Amino acid sequence: MNIDVSDTLAVCGGYYYSVNLISVANPTSPKYITFIKMPQDMVVNDIFLRDTLLFVSGDYGGIRIYSIKSSSKPVLLWEQYYNTCEASYPLGKTLFVADESTIHAFDISVPNNPIELGSFDFGRRITDIFVRDSLAFVSVFTNGYDQDNGMVILDIHKLNSMKEVARANTPGFQPASFPLSIIYFLQMIWMEFTSTIGMK
């Protein structure tokens, strides 16, 4: 389960098929609005709300951008299919998307016509992305190669020539993730929320 929340809207995605829009204008009395059906085989991995835009990414579906100016009638603006898309991260007018082992940076100044600005191939599967200032923190994972699992930091000051500046390997075979504590916390909130409003 994935979730993101703006001032008055929460969007949460099940593992398959759909993401759900819920009004939280009154947090003590949330109201279900509608759902957006995803491609049948898509596994939703990331959801982000940014102003009037909703970003949904996942395996067997890639990245999809929706306009939610009318939250009851979301409109698909753009989609790019990737077979493996475990992570994305929108920051301002730039969208970072993972395609298996490659991170792509798109200019989303015009959300229905993103333009790719650059890419960087890690040679390992990307499992999460976090961006702060001019750095991208990317978790990577390769089955069977313990020394290749962990975090890579990219300098993204120039998107057409991103470069690795540091890495930190993690023990065992679990990929790093950003931030796991928040993910667990949101999952707990979602379980409590669904219990409160009687959703199954």
Protein backbone atom coordinates (compact mmCIF):
# COMPACT_ATOMS: atom_id res chain seq x y z
CA MET A 1 0.00 0.00 0.00
CA ASN A 2 1.27 3.48 -0.95
CA ILE A 3 -0.11 6.83 0.15
CA ASP A 4 0.44 10.56 -0.25
CA VAL A 5 -1.52 13.42 1.26
CA SER A 6 -2.00 17.08 0.33
CA ASP A 7 -3.91 19.70 2.33
CA THR A 8 -7.33 18.25 1.55
CA LEU A 9 -6.73 15.09 -0.48
CA ALA A 10 -5.27 11.67 0.21
CA VAL A 11 -4.38 9.21 -2.52
CA CYS A 12 -3.63 5.60 -1.72
CA GLY A 13 -2.87 2.73 -4.04
CA GLY A 14 -3.47 -0.93 -3.67
CA TYR A 15 -0.90 -3.37 -4.89
CA TYR A 16 -2.87 -3.95 -8.10
CA TYR A 17 -5.46 -2.34 -10.32
CA SER A 18 -6.34 1.04 -8.80
CA VAL A 19 -5.51 4.07 -6.70
CA ASN A 20 -8.14 5.70 -4.52
CA LEU A 21 -8.85 9.38 -3.87
CA ILE A 22 -10.20 10.40 -0.46
CA SER A 23 -11.10 13.85 0.82
CA VAL A 24 -9.39 14.72 4.09
CA ALA A 25 -10.66 18.30 4.20
CA ASN A 26 -12.07 17.24 7.56
CA PRO A 27 -9.52 14.73 8.88
CA THR A 28 -12.00 13.48 11.48
CA SER A 29 -14.48 12.59 8.77
CA PRO A 30 -12.68 11.50 5.56
CA LYS A 31 -14.86 10.95 2.51
CA TYR A 32 -14.18 8.53 -0.32
CA ILE A 33 -14.21 10.31 -3.70
CA THR A 34 -13.34 7.90 -6.49
CA PHE A 35 -10.74 5.51 -7.81
CA ILE A 36 -8.49 5.47 -10.87
CA LYS A 37 -8.22 2.14 -12.61
CA MET A 38 -4.67 1.12 -13.49
CA PRO A 39 -3.61 -1.27 -16.28
CA GLN A 40 -4.61 -4.79 -15.26
CA ASP A 41 -1.11 -6.10 -14.57
CA MET A 42 0.34 -2.92 -13.09
CA VAL A 43 1.86 -3.18 -9.60
CA VAL A 44 1.70 0.30 -8.04
CA ASN A 45 5.01 1.13 -6.34
CA ASP A 46 4.97 4.91 -5.89
CA ILE A 47 2.31 7.62 -5.56
CA PHE A 48 2.94 11.37 -5.29
CA LEU A 49 0.62 14.38 -5.08
CA ARG A 50 2.05 17.67 -6.28
CA ASP A 51 -0.42 20.59 -6.47
CA THR A 52 -2.98 19.51 -9.09
CA LEU A 53 -0.90 16.61 -10.41
CA LEU A 54 -0.85 12.97 -9.38
CA PHE A 55 2.09 10.73 -10.25
CA VAL A 56 1.67 6.96 -10.19
CA SER A 57 4.43 4.52 -11.09
CA GLY A 58 4.79 0.77 -10.98
CA ASP A 59 5.96 -2.43 -12.59
CA TYR A 60 4.17 -3.51 -15.78
CA GLY A 61 2.79 -0.01 -16.15
CA GLY A 62 5.59 2.53 -15.94
CA ILE A 63 4.82 6.14 -15.04
CA ARG A 64 1.47 7.91 -15.37
CA ILE A 65 0.65 11.59 -14.73
CA TYR A 66 -2.91 12.66 -13.93
CA SER A 67 -4.56 16.03 -13.57
CA ILE A 68 -6.64 16.14 -10.39
CA LYS A 69 -7.94 19.69 -10.74
CA SER A 70 -11.27 17.96 -10.33
CA SER A 71 -10.58 15.22 -7.80
CA SER A 72 -13.80 13.44 -8.74
CA LYS A 73 -12.74 13.26 -12.40
CA PRO A 74 -8.99 12.62 -12.71
CA VAL A 75 -7.62 12.99 -16.24
CA LEU A 76 -4.66 11.02 -17.60
CA LEU A 77 -2.20 13.52 -19.09
CA TRP A 78 0.75 11.31 -19.99
CA GLU A 79 2.06 7.79 -19.63
CA GLN A 80 5.33 6.06 -20.40
CA TYR A 81 5.47 2.28 -20.21
CA TYR A 82 8.33 0.56 -18.40
CA ASN A 83 8.30 -3.14 -17.62
CA THR A 84 10.14 -2.54 -14.33
CA CYS A 85 9.43 0.77 -12.62
CA GLU A 86 9.91 0.47 -8.87
CA ALA A 87 10.48 4.14 -8.11
CA SER A 88 9.77 7.70 -9.14
CA TYR A 89 10.17 11.13 -7.56
CA PRO A 90 8.74 14.48 -8.74
CA LEU A 91 10.59 17.59 -7.62
CA GLY A 92 9.44 20.96 -8.90
CA LYS A 93 9.38 20.82 -12.68
CA THR A 94 11.51 17.67 -12.84
CA LEU A 95 10.37 14.06 -12.62
CA PHE A 96 12.80 11.24 -11.87
CA VAL A 97 11.73 7.76 -12.97
CA ALA A 98 13.40 4.37 -12.58
CA ASP A 99 13.38 2.04 -15.57
CA GLU A 100 14.94 -1.19 -14.24
CA SER A 101 18.54 -0.03 -13.75
CA THR A 102 18.29 3.42 -15.37
CA ILE A 103 17.11 6.65 -13.80
CA HIS A 104 15.49 9.09 -16.25
CA ALA A 105 14.99 12.81 -15.63
CA PHE A 106 12.06 14.53 -17.36
CA ASP A 107 11.14 18.19 -17.66
CA ILE A 108 7.44 18.27 -16.70
CA SER A 109 6.87 21.99 -17.22
CA VAL A 110 4.19 20.82 -19.66
CA PRO A 111 2.79 17.77 -17.85
CA ASN A 112 1.10 16.29 -20.90
CA ASN A 113 4.33 16.47 -22.87
CA PRO A 114 7.35 15.68 -20.65
CA ILE A 115 10.78 16.00 -22.25
CA GLU A 116 13.63 13.74 -21.20
CA LEU A 117 16.64 15.75 -20.05
CA GLY A 118 19.05 12.96 -19.19
CA SER A 119 19.56 9.49 -17.76
CA PHE A 120 22.02 7.43 -15.75
CA ASP A 121 22.43 3.64 -15.81
CA PHE A 122 23.48 1.99 -12.52
CA GLY A 123 23.72 -1.53 -13.93
CA ARG A 124 21.66 -2.66 -10.94
CA ARG A 125 17.95 -2.62 -10.21
CA ILE A 126 16.69 0.65 -8.74
CA THR A 127 14.31 0.19 -5.81
CA ASP A 128 13.78 3.74 -4.54
CA ILE A 129 14.64 7.39 -5.23
CA PHE A 130 14.86 10.42 -2.98
CA VAL A 131 16.00 13.86 -4.16
CA ARG A 132 17.32 16.72 -2.07
CA ASP A 133 18.81 19.87 -3.56
CA SER A 134 21.22 18.78 -6.30
CA LEU A 135 21.63 15.20 -5.08
CA ALA A 136 19.65 12.05 -5.82
CA PHE A 137 19.82 9.23 -3.29
CA VAL A 138 19.07 5.97 -5.07
CA SER A 139 18.75 2.50 -3.56
CA VAL A 140 19.97 -0.31 -5.78
CA PHE A 141 19.82 -4.08 -5.56
CA THR A 142 21.26 -7.06 -7.39
CA ASN A 143 20.30 -10.59 -6.41
CA GLY A 144 23.31 -12.63 -5.38
CA TYR A 145 25.81 -9.78 -5.26
CA ASP A 146 25.99 -8.52 -1.71
CA GLN A 147 28.60 -5.89 -2.50
CA ASP A 148 26.29 -4.25 -5.05
CA ASN A 149 23.34 -3.66 -2.70
CA GLY A 150 22.86 -0.29 -1.07
CA MET A 151 22.70 3.41 -1.82
CA VAL A 152 24.24 5.44 -4.61
CA ILE A 153 24.36 9.23 -4.51
CA LEU A 154 24.17 11.12 -7.79
CA ASP A 155 25.12 14.69 -8.55
CA ILE A 156 22.11 15.89 -10.58
CA HIS A 157 23.16 19.53 -10.91
CA LYS A 158 23.43 18.91 -14.66
CA LEU A 159 20.66 16.53 -15.63
CA ASN A 160 22.20 15.76 -19.01
CA SER A 161 25.38 14.56 -17.32
CA MET A 162 24.46 13.08 -13.95
CA LYS A 163 27.37 11.43 -12.18
CA GLU A 164 27.95 9.17 -9.20
CA VAL A 165 29.63 10.91 -6.28
CA ALA A 166 29.37 8.31 -3.50
CA ARG A 167 27.92 4.98 -2.51
CA ALA A 168 27.21 3.04 0.66
CA ASN A 169 26.78 -0.73 0.59
CA THR A 170 24.33 -2.38 2.94
CA PRO A 171 24.85 -5.82 4.52
CA GLY A 172 22.72 -8.78 3.56
CA PHE A 173 20.54 -8.94 0.48
CA GLN A 174 18.00 -6.26 1.35
CA PRO A 175 17.98 -3.07 -0.76
CA ALA A 176 18.18 0.28 0.95
CA SER A 177 14.94 2.23 0.99
CA PHE A 178 14.01 5.85 1.70
CA PRO A 179 12.67 6.27 4.26
CA LEU A 180 11.54 2.89 5.64
CA SER A 181 10.39 4.34 8.96
CA ILE A 182 7.96 6.63 7.17
CA ILE A 183 6.67 3.79 5.00
CA TYR A 184 5.92 1.69 8.08
CA PHE A 185 4.30 4.67 9.81
CA LEU A 186 2.03 5.38 6.83
CA GLN A 187 1.04 1.74 6.60
CA MET A 188 -0.07 1.89 10.24
CA ILE A 189 -2.06 5.07 9.56
CA TRP A 190 -3.73 3.45 6.55
CA MET A 191 -4.71 0.36 8.56
CA GLU A 192 -6.21 2.55 11.27
CA PHE A 193 -7.96 4.75 8.70
CA THR A 194 -9.56 1.85 6.82
CA SER A 195 -10.68 0.34 10.10
CA THR A 196 -12.28 3.66 11.12
CA ILE A 197 -14.30 4.13 7.93
CA GLY A 198 -15.11 0.48 7.50
CA MET A 199 -13.21 -0.18 4.26
CA LYS A 200 -12.15 -3.76 3.54
